Amino acid sequence: MKHNARRNARPASSRRPPRPVQRTRAGLVAGRRMDFGVIADAESILFQEGVTLAPMAWEGSAAADGVFQHGALTVIPTAGARDLEAGRLAGVVVAGSTDPRAAEEQQSLEKLVQAAHAVKLPVMAFGEGAARALEALGFDVPADLPPAVLIHDGVRILETSEQVRDAIGALHTAQAALQAAA
C-alpha cells in the first residue's frame, strides 16, 4: 500500500498563515491585573505581527525582585532598563492596570518609559497605560483618552486593532536599526 501524502495533508482552509521568521523583542511594562482596554486583543495582535513581549522591571524596584500575577499566570520580569540601553529591546509596550496599587508602580513605569524614549525607541501604550506613558514623558493627557497611543517621533492615536497592526511597524523598524548598528 502506497502512502498518499495528499490524503494526510491538511486542507488549505485550515492552514495557519506563516509566522514571521524574524521576531521583534519589546519590553512589556505592566502591573498586576494588566489590561489592554478596549483593544482587548492587543496582546495577540502583537504576537501575530511578530512581536515577543519581555516583562520588564526597573532594576532596584520591588518588582525586579519579585513576580506579579496576570490572571492565573505568574509573570517574572525578564528585562529591564539595561536591555533598552544595550539595544536588546526594540521598544516598550505599556498595558494599563486594573489594580488599585497601580500608583505604587507609577515610578517604575515612568523610569522605563523615559529610558526607552531617551534612546529613541517607540513606546506603545494601551488603555489607562496610555495616560501614564503620556504623563511620564510630559505630554498632555487628552480628556477623552484614546484606546492606545504610539509615542515615537510625536504621538500617534490608535483607535482600532488595524491601526495597532499598522503602528507595530515602528517596533520592527527599531529592531532592524538596532541590528544594523550591531
Protein backbone atom coordinates (compact mmCIF):
# COMPACT_ATOMS: atom_id res chain seq x y z
CA MET A 1 0.00 0.00 0.00
CA LYS A 2 1.42 3.33 -1.06
CA HIS A 3 1.48 6.24 1.35
CA ASN A 4 -0.53 9.12 -0.01
CA ALA A 5 0.84 12.41 1.40
CA ARG A 6 -2.01 14.43 -0.05
CA ARG A 7 -4.57 12.39 1.82
CA ASN A 8 -2.87 13.22 5.14
CA ALA A 9 -2.25 16.88 4.41
CA ARG A 10 -4.47 19.48 5.98
CA PRO A 11 -6.84 21.25 3.62
CA ALA A 12 -5.73 24.73 2.55
CA SER A 13 -8.56 26.37 4.51
CA SER A 14 -7.24 25.03 7.83
CA ARG A 15 -3.60 26.02 7.32
CA ARG A 16 -2.29 28.80 9.50
CA PRO A 17 -0.69 31.79 7.84
CA PRO A 18 3.09 31.66 8.04
CA ARG A 19 4.60 33.35 11.06
CA PRO A 20 7.29 35.94 10.56
CA VAL A 21 10.76 34.40 10.61
CA GLN A 22 12.29 37.32 12.50
CA ARG A 23 10.67 38.19 15.81
CA THR A 24 10.95 41.63 17.34
CA ARG A 25 11.52 41.74 21.10
CA ALA A 26 9.86 44.57 23.01
CA GLY A 27 9.62 45.20 26.73
CA LEU A 28 6.25 44.87 28.44
CA VAL A 29 5.62 47.39 31.21
CA ALA A 30 2.64 46.10 33.13
CA GLY A 31 1.43 45.84 36.65
CA ARG A 32 -0.85 43.47 38.41
CA ARG A 33 -4.05 42.73 36.51
CA MET A 34 -2.81 44.22 33.23
CA ASP A 35 -5.50 45.48 30.92
CA PHE A 36 -5.27 46.49 27.25
CA GLY A 37 -8.53 48.45 27.43
CA VAL A 38 -10.96 48.44 24.51
CA ILE A 39 -8.34 46.90 22.21
CA ALA A 40 -8.55 43.72 24.25
CA ASP A 41 -6.89 41.63 21.52
CA ALA A 42 -3.76 43.83 21.52
CA GLU A 43 -1.54 41.18 23.08
CA SER A 44 -2.49 38.59 20.46
CA ILE A 45 -2.13 41.17 17.66
CA LEU A 46 1.40 41.94 18.81
CA PHE A 47 2.27 38.23 18.81
CA GLN A 48 0.67 37.62 15.40
CA GLU A 49 2.63 40.53 13.96
CA GLY A 50 5.94 39.11 15.18
CA VAL A 51 6.45 40.93 18.49
CA THR A 52 7.63 38.99 21.53
CA LEU A 53 6.95 40.74 24.84
CA ALA A 54 9.52 40.58 27.64
CA PRO A 55 8.04 41.59 31.01
CA MET A 56 10.10 44.46 32.44
CA ALA A 57 11.06 45.77 35.84
CA TRP A 58 13.17 48.75 36.80
CA GLU A 59 16.40 47.49 38.34
CA GLY A 60 16.31 48.07 42.07
CA SER A 61 12.50 48.19 42.29
CA ALA A 62 10.48 45.77 44.36
CA ALA A 63 9.05 44.33 41.14
CA ALA A 64 12.57 43.45 39.94
CA ASP A 65 12.97 41.17 42.93
CA GLY A 66 9.58 39.56 42.73
CA VAL A 67 6.82 38.45 40.47
CA PHE A 68 3.28 39.57 39.76
CA GLN A 69 0.10 37.79 38.78
CA HIS A 70 -1.76 38.17 35.49
CA GLY A 71 -4.92 36.08 35.75
CA ALA A 72 -3.77 32.57 36.58
CA LEU A 73 -0.23 33.23 35.33
CA THR A 74 2.77 34.22 37.37
CA VAL A 75 4.83 36.78 35.46
CA ILE A 76 8.55 37.03 36.13
CA PRO A 77 10.35 40.12 34.78
CA THR A 78 12.97 39.14 32.19
CA ALA A 79 14.11 42.58 31.01
CA GLY A 80 14.99 45.97 32.41
CA ALA A 81 16.29 49.41 31.52
CA ARG A 82 19.76 48.00 30.80
CA ASP A 83 18.23 45.97 27.96
CA LEU A 84 16.86 49.18 26.44
CA GLU A 85 20.21 50.93 26.73
CA ALA A 86 22.10 47.91 25.31
CA GLY A 87 19.81 47.64 22.27
CA ARG A 88 18.29 44.29 23.22
CA LEU A 89 14.73 45.63 23.04
CA ALA A 90 13.05 47.40 20.10
CA GLY A 91 10.71 49.45 22.26
CA VAL A 92 8.26 49.32 25.13
CA VAL A 93 4.61 48.25 25.30
CA VAL A 94 2.66 49.66 28.25
CA ALA A 95 -0.51 47.93 29.40
CA GLY A 96 -2.99 49.54 31.72
CA SER A 97 -3.68 48.09 35.15
CA THR A 98 -6.95 47.48 36.93
CA ASP A 99 -5.18 47.04 40.25
CA PRO A 100 -5.70 49.78 42.85
CA ARG A 101 -1.98 49.51 43.69
CA ALA A 102 -1.07 50.79 40.18
CA ALA A 103 0.01 54.11 41.69
CA GLU A 104 2.81 52.26 43.52
CA GLU A 105 4.09 51.06 40.15
CA GLN A 106 3.98 54.51 38.51
CA GLN A 107 7.56 55.42 39.38
CA SER A 108 8.93 52.24 37.78
CA LEU A 109 6.72 52.78 34.71
CA GLU A 110 7.92 56.37 34.37
CA LYS A 111 11.58 55.33 34.51
CA LEU A 112 11.17 52.57 31.92
CA VAL A 113 9.17 54.75 29.51
CA GLN A 114 11.68 57.58 29.91
CA ALA A 115 14.59 55.17 29.35
CA ALA A 116 13.03 53.94 26.08
CA HIS A 117 12.31 57.48 24.94
CA ALA A 118 15.85 58.61 25.81
CA VAL A 119 17.31 56.07 23.34
CA LYS A 120 14.66 56.99 20.75
CA LEU A 121 12.71 53.73 20.91
CA PRO A 122 8.94 53.56 20.33
CA VAL A 123 6.52 53.37 23.25
CA MET A 124 3.12 51.81 22.51
CA ALA A 125 0.62 52.20 25.34
CA PHE A 126 -2.91 50.86 25.84
CA GLY A 127 -5.90 51.80 27.96
CA GLU A 128 -5.06 53.56 31.19
CA GLY A 129 -1.39 52.84 30.41
CA ALA A 130 -1.63 55.43 27.60
CA ALA A 131 -2.32 58.19 30.11
CA ARG A 132 0.50 57.01 32.36
CA ALA A 133 3.01 56.87 29.47
CA LEU A 134 1.99 60.30 28.16
CA GLU A 135 2.35 61.79 31.65
CA ALA A 136 5.76 60.14 32.11
CA LEU A 137 7.05 61.92 29.00
CA GLY A 138 5.47 65.29 29.80
CA PHE A 139 2.71 65.17 27.18
CA ASP A 140 -0.77 66.47 27.93
CA VAL A 141 -3.29 63.71 28.52
CA PRO A 142 -6.45 64.32 26.50
CA ALA A 143 -9.73 64.43 28.39
CA ASP A 144 -11.11 61.81 26.00
CA LEU A 145 -8.32 59.25 26.38
CA PRO A 146 -7.75 57.24 23.19
CA PRO A 147 -7.68 53.41 23.36
CA ALA A 148 -3.95 53.40 22.58
CA VAL A 149 -1.06 55.62 21.54
CA LEU A 150 2.27 55.22 19.80
CA ILE A 151 4.87 57.65 21.13
CA HIS A 152 7.68 57.83 18.58
CA ASP A 153 8.57 60.99 16.72
CA GLY A 154 5.45 62.55 18.26
CA VAL A 155 2.22 60.98 19.45
CA ARG A 156 0.00 58.88 17.21
CA ILE A 157 -3.54 57.99 18.35
CA LEU A 158 -4.54 54.34 17.82
CA GLU A 159 -8.26 53.66 17.96
CA THR A 160 -8.65 50.28 16.23
CA SER A 161 -6.94 46.92 16.07
CA GLU A 162 -5.97 47.67 12.47
CA GLN A 163 -4.24 50.89 13.50
CA VAL A 164 -2.34 48.92 16.15
CA ARG A 165 -1.23 46.42 13.48
CA ASP A 166 0.00 49.29 11.33
CA ALA A 167 1.81 51.00 14.22
CA ILE A 168 3.71 47.80 15.08
CA GLY A 169 5.88 48.66 12.08
CA ALA A 170 7.67 51.21 14.32
CA LEU A 171 8.83 48.36 16.56
CA HIS A 172 10.06 46.30 13.58
CA THR A 173 11.86 49.35 12.16
CA ALA A 174 13.56 49.98 15.51
CA GLN A 175 14.62 46.30 15.70
CA ALA A 176 16.11 46.48 12.18
CA ALA A 177 18.00 49.67 13.08
CA LEU A 178 19.39 48.06 16.24
CA GLN A 179 20.54 45.01 14.29
CA ALA A 180 22.15 47.16 11.60
CA ALA A 181 24.03 49.15 14.25
CA ALA A 182 25.31 45.99 15.98
